[in-house]
């Protein structure tokens, strides 16, 4: 992965200059991951605010988003998990966090096949079992922290790299004993099993789960007004949603996410969308996110998932575009 990211760096560095000529930009997002920005997306508000056409492409994992930004195919990624962001930047990719997209402790977890009858009190019985995990993602980080909490040695498990939808299918078929993921895939996983820890219990262990909006540093530097305009549309959509969850927004969000309104509302009810002011506070981009990223990186190093952590991830957070929105 490190070799791929460094090899693509030259392409990523040129991504910003093409935008200055008024060309379309491409933004990555997730299906079955309903968020208020999608109502603005459907209404064409981003195209209008940015002054260029905005193309949208869906991804299965945040690691795929990193690769697309490295190649220059994607300029902005909405709701990229912090762990895949940390993996990419630790490997040398020059990305920056430009806002906190969503916090969702209850919408990212691991599910144990119900046939095993394993719960938090008997988690040690997972030793020797097969687990589907989307490596380098928030779900991977949560899996590592949970196994550490329960004292289950990683080398006692057979871990296979699967996107959440693939892991869900494998869990339902009984070909894996536990699967980790988020969103619609997690909701379907729960039809085949149970979680070991609730969102609140994970937070007590320091397992924070939040996503960010990210972009290549060169793109942000060359297009500051465009980036601020993008974040302003997102913030306005979040504010409209917070003001009573309007039915017209829900319909647009659900359709764009490829979900029923009931399922979309169920997911949205577990999401928190911090305000611009909250995002700029010490809890988030004012220092908390930087500290959390260092912790994630150290866990991945200890688990052998990445070679080394950066001394600091402060340079991978850019609050100037969001600060312009606040002002």
C-alpha atoms as a PDB file:
ATOM      1  CA  UNK A   1       0.000   0.000   0.000  1.00  0.00           C
ATOM      2  CA  UNK A   2       2.834   2.402   0.867  1.00  0.00           C
ATOM      3  CA  UNK A   3       4.472   1.807  -2.514  1.00  0.00           C
ATOM      4  CA  UNK A   4       1.183   2.441  -4.321  1.00  0.00           C
ATOM      5  CA  UNK A   5       0.491   5.661  -2.446  1.00  0.00           C
ATOM      6  CA  UNK A   6       3.968   7.100  -2.992  1.00  0.00           C
ATOM      7  CA  UNK A   7       3.895   6.112  -6.660  1.00  0.00           C
ATOM      8  CA  UNK A   8       0.612   7.966  -7.094  1.00  0.00           C
ATOM      9  CA  UNK A   9       1.777  11.103  -5.315  1.00  0.00           C
ATOM     10  CA  UNK A  10       2.733  12.912  -8.520  1.00  0.00           C
ATOM     11  CA  UNK A  11      -0.744  12.369  -9.945  1.00  0.00           C
ATOM     12  CA  UNK A  12      -2.376  13.629  -6.764  1.00  0.00           C
ATOM     13  CA  UNK A  13      -0.208  16.762  -6.769  1.00  0.00           C
ATOM     14  CA  UNK A  14      -1.592  17.770 -10.167  1.00  0.00           C
ATOM     15  CA  UNK A  15      -5.230  17.243  -9.230  1.00  0.00           C
ATOM     16  CA  UNK A  16      -5.752  20.798  -7.996  1.00  0.00           C
ATOM     17  CA  UNK A  17      -4.551  22.660 -11.081  1.00  0.00           C
ATOM     18  CA  UNK A  18      -7.172  21.118 -13.346  1.00  0.00           C
ATOM     19  CA  UNK A  19      -9.914  22.419 -11.080  1.00  0.00           C
ATOM     20  CA  UNK A  20      -8.784  25.996 -11.576  1.00  0.00           C
ATOM     21  CA  UNK A  21      -9.772  25.664 -15.232  1.00  0.00           C
ATOM     22  CA  UNK A  22     -13.386  25.084 -14.234  1.00  0.00           C
ATOM     23  CA  UNK A  23     -13.374  21.339 -14.722  1.00  0.00           C
ATOM     24  CA  UNK A  24     -15.669  19.089 -12.726  1.00  0.00           C
ATOM     25  CA  UNK A  25     -14.513  17.673  -9.415  1.00  0.00           C
ATOM     26  CA  UNK A  26     -15.240  14.199  -8.118  1.00  0.00           C
ATOM     27  CA  UNK A  27     -16.376  13.489  -4.562  1.00  0.00           C
ATOM     28  CA  UNK A  28     -16.408  10.085  -2.893  1.00  0.00           C
ATOM     29  CA  UNK A  29     -19.108   8.879  -0.497  1.00  0.00           C
ATOM     30  CA  UNK A  30     -20.731   5.667   0.788  1.00  0.00           C
ATOM     31  CA  UNK A  31     -24.012   4.058  -0.199  1.00  0.00           C
ATOM     32  CA  UNK A  32     -26.235   2.828   2.656  1.00  0.00           C
ATOM     33  CA  UNK A  33     -24.672   5.554   4.791  1.00  0.00           C
ATOM     34  CA  UNK A  34     -27.405   8.202   4.996  1.00  0.00           C
ATOM     35  CA  UNK A  35     -26.312  11.754   5.799  1.00  0.00           C
ATOM     36  CA  UNK A  36     -27.909  15.211   5.440  1.00  0.00           C
ATOM     37  CA  UNK A  37     -25.416  16.287   2.756  1.00  0.00           C
ATOM     38  CA  UNK A  38     -27.154  13.890   0.366  1.00  0.00           C
ATOM     39  CA  UNK A  39     -30.274  16.061   0.280  1.00  0.00           C
ATOM     40  CA  UNK A  40     -28.079  18.966  -0.863  1.00  0.00           C
ATOM     41  CA  UNK A  41     -26.339  16.636  -3.321  1.00  0.00           C
ATOM     42  CA  UNK A  42     -29.647  15.628  -4.908  1.00  0.00           C
ATOM     43  CA  UNK A  43     -30.787  19.262  -5.111  1.00  0.00           C
ATOM     44  CA  UNK A  44     -27.604  20.294  -6.949  1.00  0.00           C
ATOM     45  CA  UNK A  45     -26.580  22.696  -4.197  1.00  0.00           C
ATOM     46  CA  UNK A  46     -22.910  21.701  -4.364  1.00  0.00           C
ATOM     47  CA  UNK A  47     -22.681  22.374  -8.107  1.00  0.00           C
ATOM     48  CA  UNK A  48     -24.224  25.802  -7.605  1.00  0.00           C
ATOM     49  CA  UNK A  49     -22.055  26.776  -4.633  1.00  0.00           C
ATOM     50  CA  UNK A  50     -18.772  25.530  -6.113  1.00  0.00           C
ATOM     51  CA  UNK A  51     -19.413  26.853  -9.604  1.00  0.00           C
ATOM     52  CA  UNK A  52     -18.334  23.584 -11.255  1.00  0.00           C
ATOM     53  CA  UNK A  53     -20.094  20.251 -11.863  1.00  0.00           C
ATOM     54  CA  UNK A  54     -19.658  17.832  -8.971  1.00  0.00           C
ATOM     55  CA  UNK A  55     -19.461  14.153  -9.871  1.00  0.00           C
ATOM     56  CA  UNK A  56     -20.176  11.662  -7.104  1.00  0.00           C
ATOM     57  CA  UNK A  57     -18.733   8.156  -6.858  1.00  0.00           C
ATOM     58  CA  UNK A  58     -19.525   5.567  -4.183  1.00  0.00           C
ATOM     59  CA  UNK A  59     -16.990   3.389  -2.353  1.00  0.00           C
ATOM     60  CA  UNK A  60     -17.080   0.296  -0.153  1.00  0.00           C
ATOM     61  CA  UNK A  61     -14.252   1.319   2.197  1.00  0.00           C
ATOM     62  CA  UNK A  62     -12.224   4.322   3.277  1.00  0.00           C
ATOM     63  CA  UNK A  63      -9.040   2.630   2.070  1.00  0.00           C
ATOM     64  CA  UNK A  64     -10.450   2.674  -1.469  1.00  0.00           C
ATOM     65  CA  UNK A  65     -11.134   6.393  -1.013  1.00  0.00           C
ATOM     66  CA  UNK A  66      -7.479   6.946  -0.099  1.00  0.00           C
ATOM     67  CA  UNK A  67      -6.338   5.124  -3.226  1.00  0.00           C
ATOM     68  CA  UNK A  68      -8.686   7.178  -5.415  1.00  0.00           C
ATOM     69  CA  UNK A  69      -7.402  10.426  -3.926  1.00  0.00           C
ATOM     70  CA  UNK A  70      -3.818   9.258  -4.396  1.00  0.00           C
ATOM     71  CA  UNK A  71      -4.433   8.633  -8.101  1.00  0.00           C
ATOM     72  CA  UNK A  72      -6.106  12.015  -8.544  1.00  0.00           C
ATOM     73  CA  UNK A  73      -9.450  10.437  -9.474  1.00  0.00           C
ATOM     74  CA  UNK A  74     -11.186  11.899  -6.402  1.00  0.00           C
ATOM     75  CA  UNK A  75     -10.673  15.362  -4.946  1.00  0.00           C
ATOM     76  CA  UNK A  76     -12.822  15.158  -1.785  1.00  0.00           C
ATOM     77  CA  UNK A  77     -14.008  12.179   0.280  1.00  0.00           C
ATOM     78  CA  UNK A  78     -17.038  12.543   2.532  1.00  0.00           C
ATOM     79  CA  UNK A  79     -17.235  10.423   5.676  1.00  0.00           C
ATOM     80  CA  UNK A  80     -13.868   8.680   5.376  1.00  0.00           C
ATOM     81  CA  UNK A  81     -13.103   6.730   8.518  1.00  0.00           C
ATOM     82  CA  UNK A  82     -10.250   7.998  10.683  1.00  0.00           C
ATOM     83  CA  UNK A  83      -8.351   4.661  10.663  1.00  0.00           C
ATOM     84  CA  UNK A  84      -8.063   4.443   6.845  1.00  0.00           C
ATOM     85  CA  UNK A  85      -7.049   8.105   6.842  1.00  0.00           C
ATOM     86  CA  UNK A  86      -4.349   7.305   9.402  1.00  0.00           C
ATOM     87  CA  UNK A  87      -3.149   4.286   7.413  1.00  0.00           C
ATOM     88  CA  UNK A  88      -2.776   6.398   4.269  1.00  0.00           C
ATOM     89  CA  UNK A  89      -1.052   9.356   5.903  1.00  0.00           C
ATOM     90  CA  UNK A  90       1.246   7.076   7.907  1.00  0.00           C
ATOM     91  CA  UNK A  91       2.343   5.558   4.582  1.00  0.00           C
ATOM     92  CA  UNK A  92       3.216   8.993   3.235  1.00  0.00           C
ATOM     93  CA  UNK A  93       0.048  10.120   1.431  1.00  0.00           C
ATOM     94  CA  UNK A  94      -0.441  13.891   1.821  1.00  0.00           C
ATOM     95  CA  UNK A  95      -4.070  14.166   2.916  1.00  0.00           C
ATOM     96  CA  UNK A  96      -5.823  16.619   5.200  1.00  0.00           C
ATOM     97  CA  UNK A  97      -8.939  16.426   7.342  1.00  0.00           C
ATOM     98  CA  UNK A  98     -11.178  19.405   6.552  1.00  0.00           C
ATOM     99  CA  UNK A  99     -14.168  18.640   8.766  1.00  0.00           C
ATOM    100  CA  UNK A 100     -15.728  16.095  11.122  1.00  0.00           C
ATOM    101  CA  UNK A 101     -18.429  14.428   9.045  1.00  0.00           C
ATOM    102  CA  UNK A 102     -20.221  12.288  11.638  1.00  0.00           C
ATOM    103  CA  UNK A 103     -19.821  10.530  14.990  1.00  0.00           C
ATOM    104  CA  UNK A 104     -21.437   7.100  15.266  1.00  0.00           C
ATOM    105  CA  UNK A 105     -20.410   4.753  18.079  1.00  0.00           C
ATOM    106  CA  UNK A 106     -23.490   2.572  17.588  1.00  0.00           C
ATOM    107  CA  UNK A 107     -23.159   2.262  13.830  1.00  0.00           C
ATOM    108  CA  UNK A 108     -19.797   0.525  13.573  1.00  0.00           C
ATOM    109  CA  UNK A 109     -19.263  -2.802  15.306  1.00  0.00           C
ATOM    110  CA  UNK A 110     -18.479  -6.505  15.157  1.00  0.00           C
ATOM    111  CA  UNK A 111     -21.178  -9.174  15.208  1.00  0.00           C
ATOM    112  CA  UNK A 112     -20.711 -12.757  16.440  1.00  0.00           C
ATOM    113  CA  UNK A 113     -22.676 -15.558  14.760  1.00  0.00           C
ATOM    114  CA  UNK A 114     -25.649 -16.333  17.013  1.00  0.00           C
ATOM    115  CA  UNK A 115     -25.040 -20.097  16.664  1.00  0.00           C
ATOM    116  CA  UNK A 116     -21.885 -19.695  18.780  1.00  0.00           C
ATOM    117  CA  UNK A 117     -23.800 -18.155  21.707  1.00  0.00           C
ATOM    118  CA  UNK A 118     -20.783 -15.979  22.571  1.00  0.00           C
ATOM    119  CA  UNK A 119     -21.294 -12.713  24.435  1.00  0.00           C
ATOM    120  CA  UNK A 120     -19.122 -10.296  26.405  1.00  0.00           C
ATOM    121  CA  UNK A 121     -18.835 -12.783  29.281  1.00  0.00           C
ATOM    122  CA  UNK A 122     -17.588 -15.588  27.039  1.00  0.00           C
ATOM    123  CA  UNK A 123     -15.625 -13.608  24.441  1.00  0.00           C
ATOM    124  CA  UNK A 124     -12.542 -15.729  25.136  1.00  0.00           C
ATOM    125  CA  UNK A 125     -14.234 -18.499  23.167  1.00  0.00           C
ATOM    126  CA  UNK A 126     -13.527 -16.521  19.987  1.00  0.00           C
ATOM    127  CA  UNK A 127      -9.978 -17.927  19.972  1.00  0.00           C
ATOM    128  CA  UNK A 128      -9.569 -20.113  16.910  1.00  0.00           C
ATOM    129  CA  UNK A 129     -12.498 -18.519  15.097  1.00  0.00           C
ATOM    130  CA  UNK A 130     -12.642 -16.919  11.623  1.00  0.00           C
ATOM    131  CA  UNK A 131     -13.377 -13.190  11.437  1.00  0.00           C
ATOM    132  CA  UNK A 132     -14.240 -10.960   8.463  1.00  0.00           C
ATOM    133  CA  UNK A 133     -12.734  -7.483   8.925  1.00  0.00           C
ATOM    134  CA  UNK A 134     -12.357  -4.615   6.418  1.00  0.00           C
ATOM    135  CA  UNK A 135      -8.671  -3.984   7.113  1.00  0.00           C
ATOM    136  CA  UNK A 136      -7.426  -0.448   7.699  1.00  0.00           C
ATOM    137  CA  UNK A 137     -10.871   0.922   8.529  1.00  0.00           C
ATOM    138  CA  UNK A 138     -12.685   2.181  11.630  1.00  0.00           C
ATOM    139  CA  UNK A 139     -14.180  -1.301  12.004  1.00  0.00           C
ATOM    140  CA  UNK A 140     -10.664  -2.783  11.991  1.00  0.00           C
ATOM    141  CA  UNK A 141      -9.533  -0.395  14.725  1.00  0.00           C
ATOM    142  CA  UNK A 142     -12.609  -1.201  16.814  1.00  0.00           C
ATOM    143  CA  UNK A 143     -12.023  -4.925  16.305  1.00  0.00           C
ATOM    144  CA  UNK A 144      -8.404  -4.631  17.508  1.00  0.00           C
ATOM    145  CA  UNK A 145      -9.408  -2.645  20.584  1.00  0.00           C
ATOM    146  CA  UNK A 146     -12.228  -5.043  21.465  1.00  0.00           C
ATOM    147  CA  UNK A 147     -10.009  -8.106  21.135  1.00  0.00           C
ATOM    148  CA  UNK A 148      -7.422  -6.417  23.347  1.00  0.00           C
ATOM    149  CA  UNK A 149     -10.118  -5.603  25.911  1.00  0.00           C
ATOM    150  CA  UNK A 150     -11.359  -9.194  25.975  1.00  0.00           C
ATOM    151  CA  UNK A 151      -7.847 -10.664  25.989  1.00  0.00           C
ATOM    152  CA  UNK A 152      -8.282 -12.574  22.728  1.00  0.00           C
ATOM    153  CA  UNK A 153      -4.844 -12.978  21.061  1.00  0.00           C
ATOM    154  CA  UNK A 154      -4.899 -11.815  17.446  1.00  0.00           C
ATOM    155  CA  UNK A 155      -2.711 -14.726  16.385  1.00  0.00           C
ATOM    156  CA  UNK A 156      -5.407 -17.092  17.659  1.00  0.00           C
ATOM    157  CA  UNK A 157      -7.858 -15.760  15.064  1.00  0.00           C
ATOM    158  CA  UNK A 158      -8.135 -16.294  11.327  1.00  0.00           C
ATOM    159  CA  UNK A 159      -8.725 -12.763  10.012  1.00  0.00           C
ATOM    160  CA  UNK A 160      -9.875 -12.287   6.421  1.00  0.00           C
ATOM    161  CA  UNK A 161     -10.100  -8.901   4.687  1.00  0.00           C
ATOM    162  CA  UNK A 162     -13.695  -8.334   3.567  1.00  0.00           C
ATOM    163  CA  UNK A 163     -15.737  -5.224   2.840  1.00  0.00           C
ATOM    164  CA  UNK A 164     -18.766  -4.984   5.181  1.00  0.00           C
ATOM    165  CA  UNK A 165     -21.273  -6.259   2.612  1.00  0.00           C
ATOM    166  CA  UNK A 166     -19.070  -9.276   1.863  1.00  0.00           C
ATOM    167  CA  UNK A 167     -18.559  -9.921   5.569  1.00  0.00           C
ATOM    168  CA  UNK A 168     -22.306  -9.760   6.166  1.00  0.00           C
ATOM    169  CA  UNK A 169     -22.949 -12.336   3.452  1.00  0.00           C
ATOM    170  CA  UNK A 170     -20.238 -14.617   4.830  1.00  0.00           C
ATOM    171  CA  UNK A 171     -21.670 -14.329   8.346  1.00  0.00           C
ATOM    172  CA  UNK A 172     -25.172 -15.176   7.112  1.00  0.00           C
ATOM    173  CA  UNK A 173     -23.816 -18.213   5.251  1.00  0.00           C
ATOM    174  CA  UNK A 174     -21.862 -19.364   8.304  1.00  0.00           C
ATOM    175  CA  UNK A 175     -18.511 -19.205   6.524  1.00  0.00           C
ATOM    176  CA  UNK A 176     -17.156 -16.782   9.150  1.00  0.00           C
ATOM    177  CA  UNK A 177     -17.787 -16.728  12.897  1.00  0.00           C
ATOM    178  CA  UNK A 178     -17.698 -12.965  13.316  1.00  0.00           C
ATOM    179  CA  UNK A 179     -17.900 -10.012  10.942  1.00  0.00           C
ATOM    180  CA  UNK A 180     -17.186  -6.314  11.426  1.00  0.00           C
ATOM    181  CA  UNK A 181     -18.635  -3.383   9.536  1.00  0.00           C
ATOM    182  CA  UNK A 182     -20.983  -0.428   9.537  1.00  0.00           C
ATOM    183  CA  UNK A 183     -24.170   1.023   8.063  1.00  0.00           C
ATOM    184  CA  UNK A 184     -26.627  -1.168   6.217  1.00  0.00           C
ATOM    185  CA  UNK A 185     -24.249  -4.125   6.253  1.00  0.00           C
ATOM    186  CA  UNK A 186     -24.006  -3.939  10.060  1.00  0.00           C
ATOM    187  CA  UNK A 187     -27.775  -3.758  10.359  1.00  0.00           C
ATOM    188  CA  UNK A 188     -28.084  -6.964   8.312  1.00  0.00           C
ATOM    189  CA  UNK A 189     -25.235  -8.608  10.266  1.00  0.00           C
ATOM    190  CA  UNK A 190     -27.294  -8.244  13.422  1.00  0.00           C
ATOM    191  CA  UNK A 191     -29.941 -10.499  11.867  1.00  0.00           C
ATOM    192  CA  UNK A 192     -27.356 -13.297  12.096  1.00  0.00           C
ATOM    193  CA  UNK A 193     -25.779 -12.555  15.464  1.00  0.00           C
ATOM    194  CA  UNK A 194     -25.037 -10.217  18.345  1.00  0.00           C
ATOM    195  CA  UNK A 195     -22.540  -7.501  19.257  1.00  0.00           C
ATOM    196  CA  UNK A 196     -20.154  -7.876  22.187  1.00  0.00           C
ATOM    197  CA  UNK A 197     -20.197  -4.211  23.260  1.00  0.00           C
ATOM    198  CA  UNK A 198     -22.671  -1.384  22.762  1.00  0.00           C
ATOM    199  CA  UNK A 199     -21.631   1.999  21.422  1.00  0.00           C
ATOM    200  CA  UNK A 200     -21.631   3.494  24.914  1.00  0.00           C
ATOM    201  CA  UNK A 201     -19.535   0.616  26.265  1.00  0.00           C
ATOM    202  CA  UNK A 202     -17.016   1.090  23.440  1.00  0.00           C
ATOM    203  CA  UNK A 203     -16.740   4.810  24.188  1.00  0.00           C
ATOM    204  CA  UNK A 204     -15.958   3.975  27.826  1.00  0.00           C
ATOM    205  CA  UNK A 205     -12.982   1.989  26.506  1.00  0.00           C
ATOM    206  CA  UNK A 206     -11.832   4.936  24.416  1.00  0.00           C
ATOM    207  CA  UNK A 207     -13.078   3.459  21.131  1.00  0.00           C
ATOM    208  CA  UNK A 208     -14.318   6.612  19.437  1.00  0.00           C
ATOM    209  CA  UNK A 209     -15.929   6.170  16.046  1.00  0.00           C
ATOM    210  CA  UNK A 210     -16.124   9.165  13.753  1.00  0.00           C
ATOM    211  CA  UNK A 211     -15.584   9.979  10.101  1.00  0.00           C
ATOM    212  CA  UNK A 212     -14.057  13.004   8.451  1.00  0.00           C
ATOM    213  CA  UNK A 213     -14.196  14.840   5.169  1.00  0.00           C
ATOM    214  CA  UNK A 214     -10.728  14.565   3.646  1.00  0.00           C
ATOM    215  CA  UNK A 215      -8.892  15.845   0.600  1.00  0.00           C
ATOM    216  CA  UNK A 216      -5.373  15.915  -0.862  1.00  0.00           C
ATOM    217  CA  UNK A 217      -3.377  18.780   0.671  1.00  0.00           C
ATOM    218  CA  UNK A 218      -2.516  20.170  -2.786  1.00  0.00           C
ATOM    219  CA  UNK A 219      -6.179  20.409  -3.743  1.00  0.00           C
ATOM    220  CA  UNK A 220      -7.057  22.237  -0.528  1.00  0.00           C
ATOM    221  CA  UNK A 221      -4.143  24.651  -0.943  1.00  0.00           C
ATOM    222  CA  UNK A 222      -5.004  25.471  -4.547  1.00  0.00           C
ATOM    223  CA  UNK A 223      -8.779  25.694  -4.079  1.00  0.00           C
ATOM    224  CA  UNK A 224      -9.452  27.159  -0.609  1.00  0.00           C
ATOM    225  CA  UNK A 225     -12.633  29.013  -1.599  1.00  0.00           C
ATOM    226  CA  UNK A 226     -14.058  25.943  -3.309  1.00  0.00           C
ATOM    227  CA  UNK A 227     -13.320  23.769  -0.293  1.00  0.00           C
ATOM    228  CA  UNK A 228     -14.937  26.284   2.069  1.00  0.00           C
ATOM    229  CA  UNK A 229     -17.988  26.472  -0.207  1.00  0.00           C
ATOM    230  CA  UNK A 230     -18.264  22.668  -0.117  1.00  0.00           C
ATOM    231  CA  UNK A 231     -18.104  22.627   3.689  1.00  0.00           C
ATOM    232  CA  UNK A 232     -20.627  25.456   3.940  1.00  0.00           C
ATOM    233  CA  UNK A 233     -23.215  23.509   1.932  1.00  0.00           C
ATOM    234  CA  UNK A 234     -22.604  20.466   4.149  1.00  0.00           C
ATOM    235  CA  UNK A 235     -22.946  22.521   7.352  1.00  0.00           C
ATOM    236  CA  UNK A 236     -26.192  24.076   6.116  1.00  0.00           C
ATOM    237  CA  UNK A 237     -27.621  20.630   5.324  1.00  0.00           C
ATOM    238  CA  UNK A 238     -26.644  19.380   8.784  1.00  0.00           C
ATOM    239  CA  UNK A 239     -28.330  22.407  10.363  1.00  0.00           C
ATOM    240  CA  UNK A 240     -31.535  21.814   8.387  1.00  0.00           C
ATOM    241  CA  UNK A 241     -31.577  18.181   9.475  1.00  0.00           C
ATOM    242  CA  UNK A 242     -31.013  19.118  13.116  1.00  0.00           C
ATOM    243  CA  UNK A 243     -33.993  21.448  12.907  1.00  0.00           C
ATOM    244  CA  UNK A 244     -36.609  18.691  13.086  1.00  0.00           C
ATOM    245  CA  UNK A 245     -35.518  15.980  10.617  1.00  0.00           C
ATOM    246  CA  UNK A 246     -37.720  17.305   7.764  1.00  0.00           C
ATOM    247  CA  UNK A 247     -39.566  14.633   5.806  1.00  0.00           C
ATOM    248  CA  UNK A 248     -38.514  15.989   2.414  1.00  0.00           C
ATOM    249  CA  UNK A 249     -34.868  15.680   3.413  1.00  0.00           C
ATOM    250  CA  UNK A 250     -35.355  12.124   4.657  1.00  0.00           C
ATOM    251  CA  UNK A 251     -36.948  11.076   1.369  1.00  0.00           C
ATOM    252  CA  UNK A 252     -34.072  12.523  -0.661  1.00  0.00           C
ATOM    253  CA  UNK A 253     -31.417  11.101   1.662  1.00  0.00           C
ATOM    254  CA  UNK A 254     -32.934   7.610   1.690  1.00  0.00           C
ATOM    255  CA  UNK A 255     -33.279   7.455  -2.084  1.00  0.00           C
ATOM    256  CA  UNK A 256     -29.730   8.663  -2.650  1.00  0.00           C
ATOM    257  CA  UNK A 257     -28.379   6.213  -0.056  1.00  0.00           C
ATOM    258  CA  UNK A 258     -30.231   3.319  -1.670  1.00  0.00           C
ATOM    259  CA  UNK A 259     -32.292   2.630   1.459  1.00  0.00           C
ATOM    260  CA  UNK A 260     -35.887   2.646   2.618  1.00  0.00           C
ATOM    261  CA  UNK A 261     -36.919   5.695   4.619  1.00  0.00           C
ATOM    262  CA  UNK A 262     -37.409   3.513   7.692  1.00  0.00           C
ATOM    263  CA  UNK A 263     -33.892   2.068   7.486  1.00  0.00           C
ATOM    264  CA  UNK A 264     -32.374   5.450   6.688  1.00  0.00           C
ATOM    265  CA  UNK A 265     -34.095   7.031   9.674  1.00  0.00           C
ATOM    266  CA  UNK A 266     -32.905   4.146  11.841  1.00  0.00           C
ATOM    267  CA  UNK A 267     -29.280   4.787  10.868  1.00  0.00           C
ATOM    268  CA  UNK A 268     -29.591   8.568  11.117  1.00  0.00           C
ATOM    269  CA  UNK A 269     -30.961   8.252  14.643  1.00  0.00           C
ATOM    270  CA  UNK A 270     -27.586   6.814  15.727  1.00  0.00           C
ATOM    271  CA  UNK A 271     -25.556   9.581  14.032  1.00  0.00           C
ATOM    272  CA  UNK A 272     -24.300  12.847  15.509  1.00  0.00           C
ATOM    273  CA  UNK A 273     -23.359  15.671  13.133  1.00  0.00           C
ATOM    274  CA  UNK A 274     -21.227  18.179  15.067  1.00  0.00           C
ATOM    275  CA  UNK A 275     -21.816  21.854  14.338  1.00  0.00           C
ATOM    276  CA  UNK A 276     -19.051  23.959  12.812  1.00  0.00           C
ATOM    277  CA  UNK A 277     -18.343  25.455  16.224  1.00  0.00           C
ATOM    278  CA  UNK A 278     -18.144  22.000  17.818  1.00  0.00           C
ATOM    279  CA  UNK A 279     -15.813  20.762  15.100  1.00  0.00           C
ATOM    280  CA  UNK A 280     -13.413  23.646  15.692  1.00  0.00           C
ATOM    281  CA  UNK A 281     -13.361  22.994  19.458  1.00  0.00           C
ATOM    282  CA  UNK A 282     -10.672  21.163  21.383  1.00  0.00           C
ATOM    283  CA  UNK A 283     -12.732  17.964  21.401  1.00  0.00           C
ATOM    284  CA  UNK A 284     -12.448  17.637  17.653  1.00  0.00           C
ATOM    285  CA  UNK A 285     -10.204  19.534  15.224  1.00  0.00           C
ATOM    286  CA  UNK A 286      -8.791  21.822  17.904  1.00  0.00           C
ATOM    287  CA  UNK A 287      -6.601  18.990  19.169  1.00  0.00           C
ATOM    288  CA  UNK A 288      -8.732  15.954  20.026  1.00  0.00           C
ATOM    289  CA  UNK A 289      -8.732  14.466  16.519  1.00  0.00           C
ATOM    290  CA  UNK A 290      -4.973  14.864  16.180  1.00  0.00           C
ATOM    291  CA  UNK A 291      -4.389  13.089  19.478  1.00  0.00           C
ATOM    292  CA  UNK A 292      -6.853  10.341  18.583  1.00  0.00           C
ATOM    293  CA  UNK A 293      -5.135   9.725  15.234  1.00  0.00           C
ATOM    294  CA  UNK A 294      -1.818   9.220  16.976  1.00  0.00           C
ATOM    295  CA  UNK A 295      -3.463   6.675  19.255  1.00  0.00           C
ATOM    296  CA  UNK A 296      -5.000   4.827  16.302  1.00  0.00           C
ATOM    297  CA  UNK A 297      -1.638   4.739  14.535  1.00  0.00           C
ATOM    298  CA  UNK A 298       0.125   3.353  17.607  1.00  0.00           C
ATOM    299  CA  UNK A 299      -2.488   0.581  17.898  1.00  0.00           C
ATOM    300  CA  UNK A 300      -2.012  -0.334  14.229  1.00  0.00           C
ATOM    301  CA  UNK A 301       1.779  -0.399  14.664  1.00  0.00           C
ATOM    302  CA  UNK A 302       1.469  -2.697  17.675  1.00  0.00           C
ATOM    303  CA  UNK A 303      -0.833  -4.988  15.691  1.00  0.00           C
ATOM    304  CA  UNK A 304       1.586  -5.051  12.746  1.00  0.00           C
ATOM    305  CA  UNK A 305      -0.948  -3.401  10.426  1.00  0.00           C
ATOM    306  CA  UNK A 306       1.351  -0.497   9.504  1.00  0.00           C
ATOM    307  CA  UNK A 307       5.132  -0.149   9.644  1.00  0.00           C
ATOM    308  CA  UNK A 308       5.348   3.048  11.666  1.00  0.00           C
ATOM    309  CA  UNK A 309       3.342   5.955  13.031  1.00  0.00           C
ATOM    310  CA  UNK A 310       4.061   9.603  12.390  1.00  0.00           C
ATOM    311  CA  UNK A 311       5.387  11.608  15.314  1.00  0.00           C
ATOM    312  CA  UNK A 312       2.347  13.882  14.962  1.00  0.00           C
ATOM    313  CA  UNK A 313      -0.704  14.149  12.722  1.00  0.00           C
ATOM    314  CA  UNK A 314      -1.190  17.884  13.286  1.00  0.00           C
ATOM    315  CA  UNK A 315      -0.184  18.696   9.703  1.00  0.00           C
ATOM    316  CA  UNK A 316      -2.933  16.394   8.464  1.00  0.00           C
ATOM    317  CA  UNK A 317      -5.657  18.638   9.871  1.00  0.00           C
ATOM    318  CA  UNK A 318      -6.497  21.922   8.128  1.00  0.00           C
ATOM    319  CA  UNK A 319      -9.084  24.064   9.934  1.00  0.00           C
ATOM    320  CA  UNK A 320      -8.764  27.112   7.668  1.00  0.00           C
ATOM    321  CA  UNK A 321     -11.568  26.186   5.223  1.00  0.00           C
ATOM    322  CA  UNK A 322     -13.961  25.365   8.080  1.00  0.00           C
ATOM    323  CA  UNK A 323     -12.850  28.485   9.927  1.00  0.00           C
ATOM    324  CA  UNK A 324     -13.869  30.525   6.881  1.00  0.00           C
ATOM    325  CA  UNK A 325     -17.329  28.970   7.103  1.00  0.00           C
ATOM    326  CA  UNK A 326     -17.540  29.890  10.787  1.00  0.00           C
ATOM    327  CA  UNK A 327     -16.535  33.464  10.049  1.00  0.00           C
END
